[in-house]
Amino acid sequence: MHTIFKFSKHAEERLLTRGLGKDLVLVVLNNPDKIIVLDSALLIYQKILVEPDKPYLYRVFVNRELDPKLIVTVYKTSKFEKYENQV
């Protein structure tokens, strides 16, 4: 059974401005490469996905203290070295 997530207004706006789909976010959440615990409330789900041009690191920030869990923000990056200690 999968965990239920809700998108915050901010996360919805980031999806639109960054051209990301909810389906990709759900792929990251349901099958992350890594989950980083920032503090008692905030988790970062990470997954590397290869697109036609190159691989990207997707990062989804989730507040796990809320029910349903709240997706705070989402982005993708090709700058793996910036997060190398977290990948």
Protein backbone atom coordinates (compact mmCIF):
# COMPACT_ATOMS: atom_id res chain seq x y z
CA MET A 1 0.00 0.00 0.00
CA HIS A 2 1.37 3.43 -0.95
CA THR A 3 1.49 6.43 1.34
CA ILE A 4 -0.94 9.24 0.53
CA PHE A 5 0.63 12.60 -0.30
CA LYS A 6 -0.90 16.04 -0.79
CA PHE A 7 0.69 18.78 -2.92
CA SER A 8 1.07 22.18 -1.23
CA LYS A 9 0.12 25.27 -3.21
CA HIS A 10 3.82 26.11 -3.46
CA ALA A 11 4.65 22.62 -4.82
CA GLU A 12 1.84 22.92 -7.39
CA GLU A 13 3.27 26.27 -8.53
CA ARG A 14 6.81 24.82 -8.75
CA LEU A 15 5.53 21.96 -10.90
CA LEU A 16 4.03 24.44 -13.35
CA THR A 17 6.99 26.84 -13.47
CA ARG A 18 9.52 24.01 -13.76
CA GLY A 19 7.54 22.00 -16.28
CA LEU A 20 7.38 18.91 -14.07
CA GLY A 21 4.54 16.41 -13.93
CA LYS A 22 2.88 14.93 -10.87
CA ASP A 23 3.47 11.48 -12.34
CA LEU A 24 7.26 11.96 -12.07
CA VAL A 25 6.91 13.18 -8.49
CA LEU A 26 4.95 10.05 -7.62
CA VAL A 27 7.66 7.88 -9.21
CA VAL A 28 10.22 9.54 -6.93
CA LEU A 29 8.01 9.20 -3.84
CA ASN A 30 7.06 5.58 -4.46
CA ASN A 31 10.54 4.39 -5.48
CA PRO A 32 13.25 6.77 -4.20
CA ASP A 33 16.95 6.07 -4.56
CA LYS A 34 17.45 7.73 -1.18
CA ILE A 35 15.48 9.46 1.58
CA ILE A 36 17.30 12.15 3.53
CA VAL A 37 16.06 13.17 6.98
CA LEU A 38 16.56 16.92 7.39
CA ASP A 39 14.81 17.15 10.76
CA SER A 40 11.92 15.53 12.62
CA ALA A 41 9.40 16.88 10.11
CA LEU A 42 11.15 17.25 6.75
CA LEU A 43 12.32 14.49 4.42
CA ILE A 44 13.90 14.75 0.97
CA TYR A 45 13.06 11.94 -1.44
CA GLN A 46 15.69 11.70 -4.20
CA LYS A 47 15.84 9.76 -7.43
CA ILE A 48 18.00 9.93 -10.53
CA LEU A 49 15.95 9.67 -13.71
CA VAL A 50 17.47 9.58 -17.17
CA GLU A 51 15.75 11.77 -19.72
CA PRO A 52 16.49 11.67 -23.45
CA ASP A 53 19.20 14.33 -23.15
CA LYS A 54 20.83 13.47 -19.78
CA PRO A 55 20.25 12.25 -16.22
CA TYR A 56 18.64 14.48 -13.62
CA LEU A 57 18.39 14.31 -9.85
CA TYR A 58 14.82 14.84 -8.71
CA ARG A 59 14.34 16.12 -5.15
CA VAL A 60 10.95 16.13 -3.42
CA PHE A 61 10.66 17.77 0.00
CA VAL A 62 7.95 16.26 2.21
CA ASN A 63 6.56 17.24 5.61
CA ARG A 64 5.97 13.85 7.19
CA GLU A 65 4.28 15.19 10.33
CA LEU A 66 1.07 16.06 8.49
CA ASP A 67 -1.65 13.62 7.47
CA PRO A 68 -1.65 13.20 4.56
CA LYS A 69 2.05 13.89 4.13
CA LEU A 70 2.57 17.30 2.49
CA ILE A 71 4.80 17.78 -0.57
CA VAL A 72 6.44 21.13 0.18
CA THR A 73 8.47 21.67 -3.00
CA VAL A 74 9.93 19.79 -5.97
CA TYR A 75 12.79 20.37 -8.37
CA LYS A 76 15.19 18.61 -10.69
CA THR A 77 18.85 19.37 -11.21
CA SER A 78 21.73 18.18 -13.35
CA LYS A 79 24.25 19.52 -10.79
CA PHE A 80 24.92 16.21 -9.04
CA GLU A 81 28.16 17.49 -7.52
CA LYS A 82 26.19 20.03 -5.45
CA TYR A 83 24.43 17.13 -3.72
CA GLU A 84 27.11 14.45 -3.98
CA ASN A 85 27.19 13.86 -0.23
CA GLN A 86 23.41 13.38 -0.32
CA VAL A 87 23.06 11.25 -3.49
